[in-house]
Amino acid sequence: MRYEILKYERIRNFRVDKDLSQITVANELNIAQNTLSQYELGINNIPNEILIKLALFYETSTDYLLNLTDNPKPYKRKSGA
């Protein structure tokens, strides 16, 4: 279980660093606050659709949110994406 908590730690850190409540972020993602809480705690896996929305919202990459890279800058996106 500890691995899962570390896996999603950056999602929580972004929210806290920006002084946002779980309710604020959950509303932006059109999900329930307790669902976001479960994602942040690693209880539930984050669906790709939500992960992409989080990356766009926080202006970072999904790889950074998933702790696959230490570079928080987003990748260059395709035109029209």
PDB file of N, CA and C in Angstrom:
ATOM      1  N   MET A   1       0.820  -1.197   0.000  1.00  0.00           N
ATOM      2  CA  MET A   1       0.000   0.000   0.000  1.00  0.00           C
ATOM      3  C   MET A   1       0.864   1.261   0.000  1.00  0.00           C
ATOM      4  N   ARG A   2       1.985   1.250   0.648  1.00  0.00           N
ATOM      5  CA  ARG A   2       2.843   2.435   0.699  1.00  0.00           C
ATOM      6  C   ARG A   2       3.279   2.854  -0.701  1.00  0.00           C
ATOM      7  N   TYR A   3       3.526   1.898  -1.584  1.00  0.00           N
ATOM      8  CA  TYR A   3       3.906   2.217  -2.963  1.00  0.00           C
ATOM      9  C   TYR A   3       2.837   3.066  -3.637  1.00  0.00           C
ATOM     10  N   GLU A   4       1.583   2.699  -3.437  1.00  0.00           N
ATOM     11  CA  GLU A   4       0.481   3.435  -4.063  1.00  0.00           C
ATOM     12  C   GLU A   4       0.412   4.866  -3.547  1.00  0.00           C
ATOM     13  N   ILE A   5       0.634   5.068  -2.258  1.00  0.00           N
ATOM     14  CA  ILE A   5       0.601   6.413  -1.707  1.00  0.00           C
ATOM     15  C   ILE A   5       1.689   7.266  -2.358  1.00  0.00           C
ATOM     16  N   LEU A   6       2.878   6.727  -2.488  1.00  0.00           N
ATOM     17  CA  LEU A   6       3.953   7.467  -3.127  1.00  0.00           C
ATOM     18  C   LEU A   6       3.651   7.715  -4.601  1.00  0.00           C
ATOM     19  N   LYS A   7       2.987   6.759  -5.228  1.00  0.00           N
ATOM     20  CA  LYS A   7       2.679   6.862  -6.647  1.00  0.00           C
ATOM     21  C   LYS A   7       1.855   8.106  -6.959  1.00  0.00           C
ATOM     22  N   TYR A   8       0.922   8.463  -6.089  1.00  0.00           N
ATOM     23  CA  TYR A   8       0.031   9.590  -6.351  1.00  0.00           C
ATOM     24  C   TYR A   8       0.326  10.809  -5.480  1.00  0.00           C
ATOM     25  N   GLU A   9       1.452  10.811  -4.817  1.00  0.00           N
ATOM     26  CA  GLU A   9       1.812  11.902  -3.921  1.00  0.00           C
ATOM     27  C   GLU A   9       1.856  13.254  -4.642  1.00  0.00           C
ATOM     28  N   ARG A  10       2.318  13.283  -5.861  1.00  0.00           N
ATOM     29  CA  ARG A  10       2.452  14.551  -6.589  1.00  0.00           C
ATOM     30  C   ARG A  10       1.101  15.180  -6.896  1.00  0.00           C
ATOM     31  N   ILE A  11       0.086  14.381  -7.065  1.00  0.00           N
ATOM     32  CA  ILE A  11      -1.249  14.917  -7.324  1.00  0.00           C
ATOM     33  C   ILE A  11      -1.729  15.698  -6.105  1.00  0.00           C
ATOM     34  N   ARG A  12      -1.506  15.142  -4.939  1.00  0.00           N
ATOM     35  CA  ARG A  12      -1.864  15.842  -3.709  1.00  0.00           C
ATOM     36  C   ARG A  12      -0.968  17.070  -3.517  1.00  0.00           C
ATOM     37  N   ASN A  13       0.332  16.922  -3.757  1.00  0.00           N
ATOM     38  CA  ASN A  13       1.268  18.029  -3.552  1.00  0.00           C
ATOM     39  C   ASN A  13       0.917  19.234  -4.423  1.00  0.00           C
ATOM     40  N   PHE A  14       0.554  19.007  -5.674  1.00  0.00           N
ATOM     41  CA  PHE A  14       0.141  20.114  -6.547  1.00  0.00           C
ATOM     42  C   PHE A  14      -1.036  20.861  -5.935  1.00  0.00           C
ATOM     43  N   ARG A  15      -2.018  20.115  -5.479  1.00  0.00           N
ATOM     44  CA  ARG A  15      -3.213  20.734  -4.908  1.00  0.00           C
ATOM     45  C   ARG A  15      -2.873  21.545  -3.665  1.00  0.00           C
ATOM     46  N   VAL A  16      -2.093  20.965  -2.788  1.00  0.00           N
ATOM     47  CA  VAL A  16      -1.730  21.644  -1.542  1.00  0.00           C
ATOM     48  C   VAL A  16      -0.859  22.866  -1.819  1.00  0.00           C
ATOM     49  N   ASP A  17       0.115  22.723  -2.716  1.00  0.00           N
ATOM     50  CA  ASP A  17       1.002  23.845  -3.047  1.00  0.00           C
ATOM     51  C   ASP A  17       0.240  25.036  -3.623  1.00  0.00           C
ATOM     52  N   LYS A  18      -0.864  24.772  -4.298  1.00  0.00           N
ATOM     53  CA  LYS A  18      -1.665  25.843  -4.895  1.00  0.00           C
ATOM     54  C   LYS A  18      -2.799  26.293  -3.960  1.00  0.00           C
ATOM     55  N   ASP A  19      -2.768  25.782  -2.722  1.00  0.00           N
ATOM     56  CA  ASP A  19      -3.789  26.124  -1.720  1.00  0.00           C
ATOM     57  C   ASP A  19      -5.204  25.860  -2.216  1.00  0.00           C
ATOM     58  N   LEU A  20      -5.390  24.739  -2.882  1.00  0.00           N
ATOM     59  CA  LEU A  20      -6.704  24.357  -3.381  1.00  0.00           C
ATOM     60  C   LEU A  20      -7.296  23.268  -2.496  1.00  0.00           C
ATOM     61  N   SER A  21      -8.593  23.326  -2.299  1.00  0.00           N
ATOM     62  CA  SER A  21      -9.264  22.275  -1.540  1.00  0.00           C
ATOM     63  C   SER A  21      -9.559  21.097  -2.464  1.00  0.00           C
ATOM     64  N   GLN A  22      -9.804  19.946  -1.855  1.00  0.00           N
ATOM     65  CA  GLN A  22     -10.200  18.795  -2.660  1.00  0.00           C
ATOM     66  C   GLN A  22     -11.508  19.072  -3.380  1.00  0.00           C
ATOM     67  N   ILE A  23     -12.405  19.801  -2.752  1.00  0.00           N
ATOM     68  CA  ILE A  23     -13.699  20.112  -3.376  1.00  0.00           C
ATOM     69  C   ILE A  23     -13.496  20.955  -4.629  1.00  0.00           C
ATOM     70  N   THR A  24     -12.599  21.937  -4.564  1.00  0.00           N
ATOM     71  CA  THR A  24     -12.335  22.795  -5.720  1.00  0.00           C
ATOM     72  C   THR A  24     -11.815  21.983  -6.894  1.00  0.00           C
ATOM     73  N   VAL A  25     -10.827  21.132  -6.639  1.00  0.00           N
ATOM     74  CA  VAL A  25     -10.241  20.322  -7.709  1.00  0.00           C
ATOM     75  C   VAL A  25     -11.255  19.295  -8.207  1.00  0.00           C
ATOM     76  N   ALA A  26     -11.967  18.662  -7.301  1.00  0.00           N
ATOM     77  CA  ALA A  26     -12.976  17.673  -7.692  1.00  0.00           C
ATOM     78  C   ALA A  26     -14.044  18.304  -8.586  1.00  0.00           C
ATOM     79  N   ASN A  27     -14.475  19.506  -8.253  1.00  0.00           N
ATOM     80  CA  ASN A  27     -15.457  20.204  -9.097  1.00  0.00           C
ATOM     81  C   ASN A  27     -14.892  20.471 -10.483  1.00  0.00           C
ATOM     82  N   GLU A  28     -13.636  20.848 -10.551  1.00  0.00           N
ATOM     83  CA  GLU A  28     -12.982  21.096 -11.848  1.00  0.00           C
ATOM     84  C   GLU A  28     -12.941  19.827 -12.704  1.00  0.00           C
ATOM     85  N   LEU A  29     -12.798  18.687 -12.034  1.00  0.00           N
ATOM     86  CA  LEU A  29     -12.714  17.402 -12.733  1.00  0.00           C
ATOM     87  C   LEU A  29     -14.077  16.733 -12.923  1.00  0.00           C
ATOM     88  N   ASN A  30     -15.120  17.327 -12.347  1.00  0.00           N
ATOM     89  CA  ASN A  30     -16.473  16.748 -12.383  1.00  0.00           C
ATOM     90  C   ASN A  30     -16.533  15.370 -11.725  1.00  0.00           C
ATOM     91  N   ILE A  31     -15.873  15.277 -10.562  1.00  0.00           N
ATOM     92  CA  ILE A  31     -15.924  14.044  -9.771  1.00  0.00           C
ATOM     93  C   ILE A  31     -16.253  14.432  -8.336  1.00  0.00           C
ATOM     94  N   ALA A  32     -16.585  13.451  -7.517  1.00  0.00           N
ATOM     95  CA  ALA A  32     -16.882  13.700  -6.106  1.00  0.00           C
ATOM     96  C   ALA A  32     -15.594  13.935  -5.326  1.00  0.00           C
ATOM     97  N   GLN A  33     -15.702  14.706  -4.265  1.00  0.00           N
ATOM     98  CA  GLN A  33     -14.530  14.999  -3.423  1.00  0.00           C
ATOM     99  C   GLN A  33     -13.934  13.729  -2.854  1.00  0.00           C
ATOM    100  N   ASN A  34     -14.769  12.791  -2.407  1.00  0.00           N
ATOM    101  CA  ASN A  34     -14.225  11.558  -1.829  1.00  0.00           C
ATOM    102  C   ASN A  34     -13.522  10.700  -2.884  1.00  0.00           C
ATOM    103  N   THR A  35     -13.916  10.825  -4.132  1.00  0.00           N
ATOM    104  CA  THR A  35     -13.227  10.121  -5.215  1.00  0.00           C
ATOM    105  C   THR A  35     -11.818  10.673  -5.383  1.00  0.00           C
ATOM    106  N   LEU A  36     -11.692  12.001  -5.381  1.00  0.00           N
ATOM    107  CA  LEU A  36     -10.371  12.619  -5.463  1.00  0.00           C
ATOM    108  C   LEU A  36      -9.518  12.202  -4.272  1.00  0.00           C
ATOM    109  N   SER A  37     -10.103  12.180  -3.106  1.00  0.00           N
ATOM    110  CA  SER A  37      -9.378  11.757  -1.907  1.00  0.00           C
ATOM    111  C   SER A  37      -8.839  10.336  -2.068  1.00  0.00           C
ATOM    112  N   GLN A  38      -9.644   9.454  -2.607  1.00  0.00           N
ATOM    113  CA  GLN A  38      -9.220   8.070  -2.812  1.00  0.00           C
ATOM    114  C   GLN A  38      -8.101   7.985  -3.840  1.00  0.00           C
ATOM    115  N   TYR A  39      -8.130   8.835  -4.858  1.00  0.00           N
ATOM    116  CA  TYR A  39      -7.032   8.884  -5.825  1.00  0.00           C
ATOM    117  C   TYR A  39      -5.748   9.355  -5.148  1.00  0.00           C
ATOM    118  N   GLU A  40      -5.851  10.432  -4.364  1.00  0.00           N
ATOM    119  CA  GLU A  40      -4.673  10.988  -3.705  1.00  0.00           C
ATOM    120  C   GLU A  40      -4.047  10.000  -2.727  1.00  0.00           C
ATOM    121  N   LEU A  41      -4.866   9.209  -2.079  1.00  0.00           N
ATOM    122  CA  LEU A  41      -4.368   8.233  -1.108  1.00  0.00           C
ATOM    123  C   LEU A  41      -3.905   6.933  -1.755  1.00  0.00           C
ATOM    124  N   GLY A  42      -4.154   6.776  -3.050  1.00  0.00           N
ATOM    125  CA  GLY A  42      -3.751   5.551  -3.732  1.00  0.00           C
ATOM    126  C   GLY A  42      -4.693   4.391  -3.491  1.00  0.00           C
ATOM    127  N   ILE A  43      -5.893   4.688  -2.968  1.00  0.00           N
ATOM    128  CA  ILE A  43      -6.881   3.635  -2.730  1.00  0.00           C
ATOM    129  C   ILE A  43      -7.448   3.159  -4.058  1.00  0.00           C
ATOM    130  N   ASN A  44      -7.728   4.099  -4.942  1.00  0.00           N
ATOM    131  CA  ASN A  44      -8.234   3.778  -6.282  1.00  0.00           C
ATOM    132  C   ASN A  44      -7.243   4.269  -7.327  1.00  0.00           C
ATOM    133  N   ASN A  45      -7.130   3.525  -8.406  1.00  0.00           N
ATOM    134  CA  ASN A  45      -6.315   3.972  -9.526  1.00  0.00           C
ATOM    135  C   ASN A  45      -7.043   5.090 -10.266  1.00  0.00           C
ATOM    136  N   ILE A  46      -6.276   5.999 -10.814  1.00  0.00           N
ATOM    137  CA  ILE A  46      -6.850   7.135 -11.518  1.00  0.00           C
ATOM    138  C   ILE A  46      -7.097   6.753 -12.972  1.00  0.00           C
ATOM    139  N   PRO A  47      -8.327   6.910 -13.448  1.00  0.00           N
ATOM    140  CA  PRO A  47      -8.593   6.641 -14.865  1.00  0.00           C
ATOM    141  C   PRO A  47      -7.795   7.612 -15.748  1.00  0.00           C
ATOM    142  N   ASN A  48      -7.412   7.145 -16.920  1.00  0.00           N
ATOM    143  CA  ASN A  48      -6.618   7.972 -17.834  1.00  0.00           C
ATOM    144  C   ASN A  48      -7.276   9.319 -18.100  1.00  0.00           C
ATOM    145  N   GLU A  49      -8.572   9.341 -18.281  1.00  0.00           N
ATOM    146  CA  GLU A  49      -9.302  10.583 -18.567  1.00  0.00           C
ATOM    147  C   GLU A  49      -9.085  11.614 -17.448  1.00  0.00           C
ATOM    148  N   ILE A  50      -9.148  11.172 -16.209  1.00  0.00           N
ATOM    149  CA  ILE A  50      -8.961  12.070 -15.069  1.00  0.00           C
ATOM    150  C   ILE A  50      -7.500  12.478 -14.949  1.00  0.00           C
ATOM    151  N   LEU A  51      -6.599  11.549 -15.207  1.00  0.00           N
ATOM    152  CA  LEU A  51      -5.173  11.854 -15.148  1.00  0.00           C
ATOM    153  C   LEU A  51      -4.808  12.937 -16.162  1.00  0.00           C
ATOM    154  N   ILE A  52      -5.356  12.845 -17.338  1.00  0.00           N
ATOM    155  CA  ILE A  52      -5.114  13.857 -18.373  1.00  0.00           C
ATOM    156  C   ILE A  52      -5.687  15.197 -17.939  1.00  0.00           C
ATOM    157  N   LYS A  53      -6.902  15.199 -17.385  1.00  0.00           N
ATOM    158  CA  LYS A  53      -7.503  16.444 -16.903  1.00  0.00           C
ATOM    159  C   LYS A  53      -6.638  17.081 -15.808  1.00  0.00           C
ATOM    160  N   LEU A  54      -6.101  16.253 -14.904  1.00  0.00           N
ATOM    161  CA  LEU A  54      -5.232  16.766 -13.841  1.00  0.00           C
ATOM    162  C   LEU A  54      -3.962  17.383 -14.418  1.00  0.00           C
ATOM    163  N   ALA A  55      -3.366  16.718 -15.389  1.00  0.00           N
ATOM    164  CA  ALA A  55      -2.142  17.242 -16.009  1.00  0.00           C
ATOM    165  C   ALA A  55      -2.416  18.575 -16.693  1.00  0.00           C
ATOM    166  N   LEU A  56      -3.526  18.693 -17.385  1.00  0.00           N
ATOM    167  CA  LEU A  56      -3.888  19.955 -18.026  1.00  0.00           C
ATOM    168  C   LEU A  56      -4.184  21.031 -16.987  1.00  0.00           C
ATOM    169  N   PHE A  57      -4.892  20.662 -15.942  1.00  0.00           N
ATOM    170  CA  PHE A  57      -5.256  21.612 -14.884  1.00  0.00           C
ATOM    171  C   PHE A  57      -4.015  22.155 -14.177  1.00  0.00           C
ATOM    172  N   TYR A  58      -3.067  21.276 -13.871  1.00  0.00           N
ATOM    173  CA  TYR A  58      -1.855  21.680 -13.163  1.00  0.00           C
ATOM    174  C   TYR A  58      -0.720  22.090 -14.103  1.00  0.00           C
ATOM    175  N   GLU A  59      -0.979  22.042 -15.402  1.00  0.00           N
ATOM    176  CA  GLU A  59       0.002  22.423 -16.420  1.00  0.00           C
ATOM    177  C   GLU A  59       1.310  21.640 -16.263  1.00  0.00           C
ATOM    178  N   THR A  60       1.162  20.328 -16.255  1.00  0.00           N
ATOM    179  CA  THR A  60       2.303  19.425 -16.151  1.00  0.00           C
ATOM    180  C   THR A  60       2.037  18.226 -17.047  1.00  0.00           C
ATOM    181  N   SER A  61       2.886  17.214 -16.953  1.00  0.00           N
ATOM    182  CA  SER A  61       2.689  16.003 -17.755  1.00  0.00           C
ATOM    183  C   SER A  61       2.130  14.882 -16.887  1.00  0.00           C
ATOM    184  N   THR A  62       1.479  13.944 -17.532  1.00  0.00           N
ATOM    185  CA  THR A  62       1.002  12.771 -16.809  1.00  0.00           C
ATOM    186  C   THR A  62       2.189  11.980 -16.250  1.00  0.00           C
ATOM    187  N   ASP A  63       3.286  11.957 -16.974  1.00  0.00           N
ATOM    188  CA  ASP A  63       4.486  11.259 -16.486  1.00  0.00           C
ATOM    189  C   ASP A  63       4.967  11.845 -15.162  1.00  0.00           C
ATOM    190  N   TYR A  64       4.918  13.158 -15.041  1.00  0.00           N
ATOM    191  CA  TYR A  64       5.340  13.790 -13.789  1.00  0.00           C
ATOM    192  C   TYR A  64       4.379  13.423 -12.662  1.00  0.00           C
ATOM    193  N   LEU A  65       3.080  13.483 -12.928  1.00  0.00           N
ATOM    194  CA  LEU A  65       2.103  13.132 -11.904  1.00  0.00           C
ATOM    195  C   LEU A  65       2.256  11.690 -11.440  1.00  0.00           C
ATOM    196  N   LEU A  66       2.661  10.818 -12.358  1.00  0.00           N
ATOM    197  CA  LEU A  66       2.833   9.401 -12.028  1.00  0.00           C
ATOM    198  C   LEU A  66       4.235   9.071 -11.522  1.00  0.00           C
ATOM    199  N   ASN A  67       5.052  10.110 -11.335  1.00  0.00           N
ATOM    200  CA  ASN A  67       6.396   9.946 -10.800  1.00  0.00           C
ATOM    201  C   ASN A  67       7.311   9.170 -11.748  1.00  0.00           C
ATOM    202  N   LEU A  68       7.074   9.307 -13.053  1.00  0.00           N
ATOM    203  CA  LEU A  68       7.915   8.641 -14.050  1.00  0.00           C
ATOM    204  C   LEU A  68       9.041   9.547 -14.532  1.00  0.00           C
ATOM    205  N   THR A  69       8.939  10.840 -14.204  1.00  0.00           N
ATOM    206  CA  THR A  69       9.978  11.809 -14.533  1.00  0.00           C
ATOM    207  C   THR A  69      10.033  12.841 -13.409  1.00  0.00           C
ATOM    208  N   ASP A  70      11.158  13.491 -13.282  1.00  0.00           N
ATOM    209  CA  ASP A  70      11.293  14.549 -12.283  1.00  0.00           C
ATOM    210  C   ASP A  70      11.127  15.938 -12.891  1.00  0.00           C
ATOM    211  N   ASN A  71      10.838  15.992 -14.183  1.00  0.00           N
ATOM    212  CA  ASN A  71      10.661  17.262 -14.876  1.00  0.00           C
ATOM    213  C   ASN A  71       9.171  17.625 -14.883  1.00  0.00           C
ATOM    214  N   PRO A  72       8.774  18.679 -14.138  1.00  0.00           N
ATOM    215  CA  PRO A  72       7.354  19.022 -14.078  1.00  0.00           C
ATOM    216  C   PRO A  72       6.820  19.752 -15.310  1.00  0.00           C
ATOM    217  N   LYS A  73       7.720  20.186 -16.212  1.00  0.00           N
ATOM    218  CA  LYS A  73       7.252  20.908 -17.404  1.00  0.00           C
ATOM    219  C   LYS A  73       6.471  19.955 -18.313  1.00  0.00           C
ATOM    220  N   PRO A  74       5.367  20.452 -18.845  1.00  0.00           N
ATOM    221  CA  PRO A  74       4.592  19.595 -19.754  1.00  0.00           C
ATOM    222  C   PRO A  74       5.305  19.430 -21.088  1.00  0.00           C
ATOM    223  N   TYR A  75       4.986  18.342 -21.752  1.00  0.00           N
ATOM    224  CA  TYR A  75       5.503  18.120 -23.102  1.00  0.00           C
ATOM    225  C   TYR A  75       4.808  19.066 -24.056  1.00  0.00           C
ATOM    226  N   LYS A  76       5.425  19.316 -25.176  1.00  0.00           N
ATOM    227  CA  LYS A  76       4.769  20.101 -26.215  1.00  0.00           C
ATOM    228  C   LYS A  76       3.580  19.295 -26.732  1.00  0.00           C
ATOM    229  N   ARG A  77       2.440  19.926 -26.764  1.00  0.00           N
ATOM    230  CA  ARG A  77       1.225  19.239 -27.196  1.00  0.00           C
ATOM    231  C   ARG A  77       1.034  19.366 -28.708  1.00  0.00           C
ATOM    232  N   LYS A  78       0.310  18.413 -29.258  1.00  0.00           N
ATOM    233  CA  LYS A  78      -0.040  18.451 -30.668  1.00  0.00           C
ATOM    234  C   LYS A  78      -0.941  19.651 -30.934  1.00  0.00           C
ATOM    235  N   SER A  79      -0.917  20.158 -32.149  1.00  0.00           N
ATOM    236  CA  SER A  79      -1.818  21.236 -32.542  1.00  0.00           C
ATOM    237  C   SER A  79      -3.246  20.774 -32.403  1.00  0.00           C
ATOM    238  N   GLY A  80      -4.072  21.634 -31.834  1.00  0.00           N
ATOM    239  CA  GLY A  80      -5.487  21.314 -31.676  1.00  0.00           C
ATOM    240  C   GLY A  80      -5.796  20.415 -30.502  1.00  0.00           C
ATOM    241  N   ALA A  81      -4.784  20.042 -29.710  1.00  0.00           N
ATOM    242  CA  ALA A  81      -5.045  19.153 -28.555  1.00  0.00           C
ATOM    243  C   ALA A  81      -5.215  19.956 -27.301  1.00  0.00           C
TER     244      ALA A  81
END
